[in-house]
Amino acid sequence: MIVAKVNGYEIKLQEYQAELGEVLKNMKLEVPNDESKKRAIEQLIDGYLLLNSATNSDIVISEDEVEHEILELKLKYNSEEDFNTMLDNNQIDIDVVKNRIKNNLLIAKYIKANFSVETEIPLEKLQEIYRENLKSFKTQEMVQASHILIKGTDEDSLLKAQELYEQIKTKEDFDKIAAECSDCPSNCQCGDLGYFAKGKMVKAFENIAFNLNQNEFSKPVKTEFGYHIIMNTGRKESVIADFEEVKDALKDRLKRIDSELKLIKYLKGIRSKAEIVINHKEL
């Protein structure tokens, strides 16, 4: 089934569904809506137009580059057997994967070669943007926490966590018990989880960690992972980052924006000349 045609090239339903799946992940949606459907088909159309331009350029992708990307993909699985099982389960031929990787590399190289912005941005301009957007450079409040985890959510797990809690009187007690009794791999660092901002931990854990004072520890807290005894070991308040800290990142971001604008303008131009037909009923 064909969902769109671009200069005679047919975008098939399977290709559209794969793209829509990626869009749903990025938009954090479970069910497609009009916006996600539109984004998926538009990305496929832009991708084809860019691929066509890249194919007609002098850019070459070597077999070594493709094989390197295949290796990187395989490393995301526990074994090569698991990778091959995934291909079989989804009825995907390895040559199709290689061709898609090659096309993606070709497009990426074409974009970098033609739309990168190398012009230096004056320091005064960066400082002006920084001053006008101070709130954008505000860091998130963070806490550092350690925990003792007892896996399981049954009564026995709770009783064990409560017994350990009763033994803790000082930070040294906490560190010792975390190292000896915690079921979390962080036990080798006395339960230390490092610094984290809100939204990085499960809600029940996060709420306690942010409301504890430094070196204060909690009673057992239940999450889906088990029972935690949590100790706050540090806090970083929300502050506006210094200009020197964000200067390079700001410069890179502005260059990326300029590159994206150049690319958008180019795509608008080639789309205006392309013959595009979308079968909206099939989206």
Protein backbone atom coordinates (compact mmCIF):
# COMPACT_ATOMS: atom_id res chain seq x y z
CA MET A 1 0.00 0.00 0.00
CA ILE A 2 1.32 3.44 -0.98
CA VAL A 3 0.86 6.43 1.34
CA ALA A 4 2.67 9.08 -0.73
CA LYS A 5 4.59 9.72 -3.94
CA VAL A 6 7.52 12.12 -4.30
CA ASN A 7 8.69 12.72 -7.87
CA GLY A 8 7.47 9.23 -8.68
CA TYR A 9 9.15 7.59 -5.66
CA GLU A 10 6.60 5.56 -3.70
CA ILE A 11 6.55 5.75 0.12
CA LYS A 12 5.01 2.50 1.26
CA LEU A 13 2.83 1.92 4.32
CA GLN A 14 5.49 -0.17 6.11
CA GLU A 15 8.05 2.64 5.75
CA TYR A 16 5.51 5.18 7.03
CA GLN A 17 4.56 3.01 10.03
CA ALA A 18 8.23 2.63 11.00
CA GLU A 19 8.73 6.40 10.83
CA LEU A 20 5.52 7.00 12.78
CA GLY A 21 6.78 4.67 15.50
CA GLU A 22 9.92 6.79 15.91
CA VAL A 23 7.86 10.00 15.96
CA LEU A 24 5.60 8.58 18.68
CA LYS A 25 8.66 7.76 20.81
CA ASN A 26 10.05 11.28 20.39
CA MET A 27 6.68 12.88 21.16
CA LYS A 28 6.12 10.45 24.06
CA LEU A 29 2.78 9.36 22.66
CA GLU A 30 1.21 5.92 22.68
CA VAL A 31 -1.56 6.63 20.18
CA PRO A 32 -0.98 8.59 16.94
CA ASN A 33 -2.68 11.98 16.56
CA ASP A 34 -2.93 14.28 13.55
CA GLU A 35 0.28 16.10 14.48
CA SER A 36 2.35 12.89 14.78
CA LYS A 37 0.99 11.54 11.49
CA LYS A 38 1.77 14.79 9.70
CA ARG A 39 5.28 14.91 11.19
CA ALA A 40 6.01 11.32 10.13
CA ILE A 41 5.00 11.75 6.48
CA GLU A 42 6.68 15.17 6.21
CA GLN A 43 9.96 13.72 7.57
CA LEU A 44 9.81 10.90 5.05
CA ILE A 45 9.23 13.35 2.19
CA ASP A 46 12.09 15.61 3.34
CA GLY A 47 14.29 12.55 3.80
CA TYR A 48 13.70 11.36 0.26
CA LEU A 49 14.35 14.81 -1.22
CA LEU A 50 17.59 15.13 0.75
CA LEU A 51 18.64 11.60 -0.20
CA ASN A 52 18.05 12.41 -3.86
CA SER A 53 20.19 15.55 -3.56
CA ALA A 54 22.91 13.65 -1.67
CA THR A 55 22.92 10.81 -4.21
CA ASN A 56 23.49 13.29 -7.00
CA SER A 57 26.42 14.89 -5.15
CA ASP A 58 29.99 13.64 -5.04
CA ILE A 59 29.66 12.28 -1.48
CA VAL A 60 30.62 8.62 -1.06
CA ILE A 61 29.86 6.25 1.82
CA SER A 62 32.34 3.40 2.24
CA GLU A 63 31.49 -0.17 3.22
CA ASP A 64 33.66 0.30 6.33
CA GLU A 65 31.46 3.19 7.48
CA VAL A 66 28.32 1.07 7.05
CA GLU A 67 29.87 -1.92 8.83
CA HIS A 68 30.93 0.33 11.71
CA GLU A 69 27.32 1.49 12.15
CA ILE A 70 26.08 -2.11 11.95
CA LEU A 71 28.53 -3.04 14.71
CA GLU A 72 27.30 -0.13 16.85
CA LEU A 73 23.74 -1.36 16.33
CA LYS A 74 24.63 -4.93 17.28
CA LEU A 75 26.30 -3.72 20.49
CA LYS A 76 22.89 -2.55 21.69
CA TYR A 77 21.89 -6.21 21.97
CA ASN A 78 23.22 -8.84 24.37
CA SER A 79 24.61 -10.95 21.54
CA GLU A 80 24.69 -11.22 17.76
CA GLU A 81 22.16 -14.02 18.10
CA ASP A 82 19.72 -11.62 19.82
CA PHE A 83 20.28 -9.10 17.02
CA ASN A 84 19.53 -11.72 14.36
CA THR A 85 16.45 -12.86 16.31
CA MET A 86 15.17 -9.28 16.25
CA LEU A 87 15.61 -9.19 12.47
CA ASP A 88 13.79 -12.50 12.06
CA ASN A 89 10.93 -11.52 14.38
CA ASN A 90 10.39 -8.30 12.45
CA GLN A 91 10.98 -9.96 9.06
CA ILE A 92 13.77 -7.50 8.26
CA ASP A 93 16.56 -8.41 5.85
CA ILE A 94 20.06 -7.32 6.93
CA ASP A 95 20.63 -5.80 3.47
CA VAL A 96 17.62 -3.53 4.04
CA VAL A 97 19.18 -2.38 7.33
CA LYS A 98 22.52 -1.75 5.64
CA ASN A 99 20.89 0.24 2.85
CA ARG A 100 18.98 2.40 5.32
CA ILE A 101 22.16 3.04 7.32
CA LYS A 102 24.03 3.95 4.14
CA ASN A 103 21.27 6.39 3.14
CA ASN A 104 21.24 7.99 6.60
CA LEU A 105 25.02 8.43 6.51
CA LEU A 106 24.79 9.93 3.05
CA ILE A 107 22.15 12.45 4.13
CA ALA A 108 24.11 13.34 7.30
CA LYS A 109 27.30 13.96 5.30
CA TYR A 110 25.41 16.00 2.72
CA ILE A 111 23.85 18.20 5.41
CA LYS A 112 27.20 18.71 7.12
CA ALA A 113 28.93 19.57 3.86
CA ASN A 114 26.30 22.03 2.64
CA PHE A 115 24.55 23.54 5.64
CA SER A 116 27.14 23.82 8.40
CA VAL A 117 27.79 27.34 9.65
CA GLU A 118 31.46 28.06 10.32
CA THR A 119 31.22 31.86 10.71
CA GLU A 120 32.44 32.98 14.13
CA ILE A 121 29.86 34.73 16.29
CA PRO A 122 31.21 37.93 17.90
CA LEU A 123 31.70 37.80 21.65
CA GLU A 124 29.56 40.93 22.06
CA LYS A 125 26.65 39.21 20.31
CA LEU A 126 26.93 36.16 22.59
CA GLN A 127 27.00 38.40 25.67
CA GLU A 128 23.93 40.31 24.45
CA ILE A 129 21.96 37.09 23.91
CA TYR A 130 23.06 35.83 27.32
CA ARG A 131 21.90 39.01 29.08
CA GLU A 132 18.55 39.00 27.26
CA ASN A 133 17.86 35.35 28.12
CA LEU A 134 19.21 34.95 31.66
CA LYS A 135 16.31 32.73 32.75
CA SER A 136 17.23 30.23 30.03
CA PHE A 137 20.61 29.71 31.71
CA LYS A 138 19.17 28.90 35.12
CA THR A 139 20.37 25.54 36.38
CA GLN A 140 18.07 23.00 38.00
CA GLU A 141 18.13 22.35 41.71
CA MET A 142 19.90 19.06 42.36
CA VAL A 143 20.45 16.78 45.32
CA GLN A 144 22.98 14.08 45.98
CA ALA A 145 21.62 10.98 47.65
CA SER A 146 22.68 7.58 48.86
CA HIS A 147 20.32 4.71 49.52
CA ILE A 148 20.03 1.25 50.97
CA LEU A 149 17.80 -0.92 48.81
CA ILE A 150 16.01 -4.04 49.94
CA LYS A 151 14.48 -5.69 46.90
CA GLY A 152 10.89 -6.86 47.01
CA THR A 153 7.69 -5.20 48.08
CA ASP A 154 6.34 -7.89 50.42
CA GLU A 155 6.09 -7.84 54.21
CA ASP A 156 9.43 -9.62 54.71
CA SER A 157 11.25 -6.97 52.64
CA LEU A 158 9.63 -4.19 54.65
CA LEU A 159 10.57 -5.86 57.96
CA LYS A 160 14.19 -6.26 56.85
CA ALA A 161 14.33 -2.60 55.78
CA GLN A 162 12.85 -1.49 59.11
CA GLU A 163 15.38 -3.57 61.06
CA LEU A 164 18.24 -1.93 59.15
CA TYR A 165 16.72 1.51 59.67
CA GLU A 166 16.67 0.96 63.43
CA GLN A 167 20.42 0.26 63.36
CA ILE A 168 21.30 3.60 61.72
CA LYS A 169 22.24 6.41 64.09
CA THR A 170 24.98 8.19 62.13
CA LYS A 171 26.21 8.68 58.57
CA GLU A 172 28.94 6.15 59.27
CA ASP A 173 26.29 3.58 60.25
CA PHE A 174 24.42 4.29 57.01
CA ASP A 175 27.56 3.91 54.86
CA LYS A 176 28.49 0.62 56.54
CA ILE A 177 25.03 -0.91 56.17
CA ALA A 178 24.71 0.33 52.58
CA ALA A 179 28.01 -1.35 51.68
CA GLU A 180 27.13 -4.62 53.42
CA CYS A 181 23.36 -5.01 53.01
CA SER A 182 22.03 -2.98 50.07
CA ASP A 183 20.72 -4.94 47.07
CA CYS A 184 21.67 -2.12 44.68
CA PRO A 185 24.97 -2.19 42.72
CA SER A 186 25.65 1.24 44.27
CA ASN A 187 26.56 -0.66 47.46
CA CYS A 188 30.18 -0.58 46.30
CA GLN A 189 30.00 3.23 46.71
CA CYS A 190 28.16 3.00 50.04
CA GLY A 191 24.90 3.55 48.19
CA ASP A 192 25.92 6.83 46.52
CA LEU A 193 23.74 7.70 43.49
CA GLY A 194 25.41 11.03 42.74
CA TYR A 195 23.60 14.28 41.97
CA PHE A 196 20.27 14.30 40.13
CA ALA A 197 17.56 16.82 39.25
CA LYS A 198 13.82 16.43 39.62
CA GLY A 199 12.31 14.05 37.11
CA LYS A 200 15.29 11.70 37.04
CA MET A 201 14.16 9.30 39.78
CA VAL A 202 10.84 7.61 40.52
CA LYS A 203 8.45 10.08 42.18
CA ALA A 204 8.29 8.47 45.63
CA PHE A 205 12.11 8.35 45.87
CA GLU A 206 12.57 11.85 44.49
CA ASN A 207 10.05 13.46 46.84
CA ILE A 208 11.86 12.15 49.92
CA ALA A 209 15.38 12.89 48.65
CA PHE A 210 14.56 16.54 47.90
CA ASN A 211 12.83 17.09 51.26
CA LEU A 212 15.60 15.70 53.46
CA ASN A 213 18.25 17.91 55.01
CA GLN A 214 21.90 17.10 54.37
CA ASN A 215 22.97 13.85 56.12
CA GLU A 216 19.36 13.24 57.21
CA PHE A 217 17.97 9.82 56.32
CA SER A 218 14.47 8.53 55.80
CA LYS A 219 12.36 5.69 57.06
CA PRO A 220 11.91 2.88 54.48
CA VAL A 221 10.28 4.21 51.30
CA LYS A 222 8.42 1.84 48.97
CA THR A 223 8.89 2.00 45.18
CA GLU A 224 8.46 -0.55 42.40
CA PHE A 225 12.08 -1.64 43.03
CA GLY A 226 11.65 -2.42 46.73
CA TYR A 227 12.20 -0.51 49.97
CA HIS A 228 14.76 2.30 50.16
CA ILE A 229 16.35 4.03 53.11
CA ILE A 230 17.44 7.34 51.61
CA MET A 231 20.08 9.78 52.84
CA ASN A 232 20.55 13.28 51.42
CA THR A 233 24.30 13.91 51.13
CA GLY A 234 24.36 17.22 49.27
CA ARG A 235 22.38 19.90 47.48
CA LYS A 236 23.03 22.31 44.61
CA GLU A 237 20.61 25.21 44.52
CA SER A 238 19.20 26.55 41.27
CA VAL A 239 21.45 29.38 40.01
CA ILE A 240 22.02 31.31 36.80
CA ALA A 241 25.11 29.87 35.13
CA ASP A 242 28.01 32.28 34.51
CA PHE A 243 28.54 33.47 30.94
CA GLU A 244 31.91 31.72 30.71
CA GLU A 245 30.26 28.42 31.64
CA VAL A 246 27.70 28.59 28.83
CA LYS A 247 29.57 30.60 26.20
CA ASP A 248 30.75 27.66 24.09
CA ALA A 249 27.43 25.80 24.32
CA LEU A 250 25.57 28.99 23.36
CA LYS A 251 27.83 29.52 20.37
CA ASP A 252 27.29 25.91 19.21
CA ARG A 253 23.53 26.23 19.64
CA LEU A 254 23.38 29.43 17.57
CA LYS A 255 25.39 27.79 14.82
CA ARG A 256 23.03 24.80 14.86
CA ILE A 257 20.04 27.13 14.58
CA ASP A 258 21.62 28.91 11.59
CA SER A 259 22.35 25.54 9.98
CA GLU A 260 18.77 24.38 10.56
CA LEU A 261 17.40 27.58 9.04
CA LYS A 262 19.60 27.12 5.95
CA LEU A 263 18.38 23.53 5.63
CA ILE A 264 14.71 24.52 6.08
CA LYS A 265 15.07 27.19 3.39
CA TYR A 266 16.68 24.67 1.02
CA LEU A 267 13.98 22.06 1.65
CA LYS A 268 11.26 24.64 1.06
CA GLY A 269 12.84 25.42 -2.30
CA ILE A 270 13.13 21.84 -3.54
CA ARG A 271 9.69 20.93 -2.19
CA SER A 272 8.14 23.75 -4.23
CA LYS A 273 9.56 22.14 -7.38
CA ALA A 274 8.74 18.54 -6.42
CA GLU A 275 5.66 16.59 -7.40
CA ILE A 276 4.24 15.39 -4.06
CA VAL A 277 1.02 13.41 -3.62
CA ILE A 278 -0.08 12.27 -0.15
CA ASN A 279 -2.79 9.62 0.35
CA HIS A 280 -4.18 11.12 3.58
CA LYS A 281 -6.77 8.34 3.94
CA GLU A 282 -3.97 5.82 4.57
CA LEU A 283 -2.19 7.83 7.29
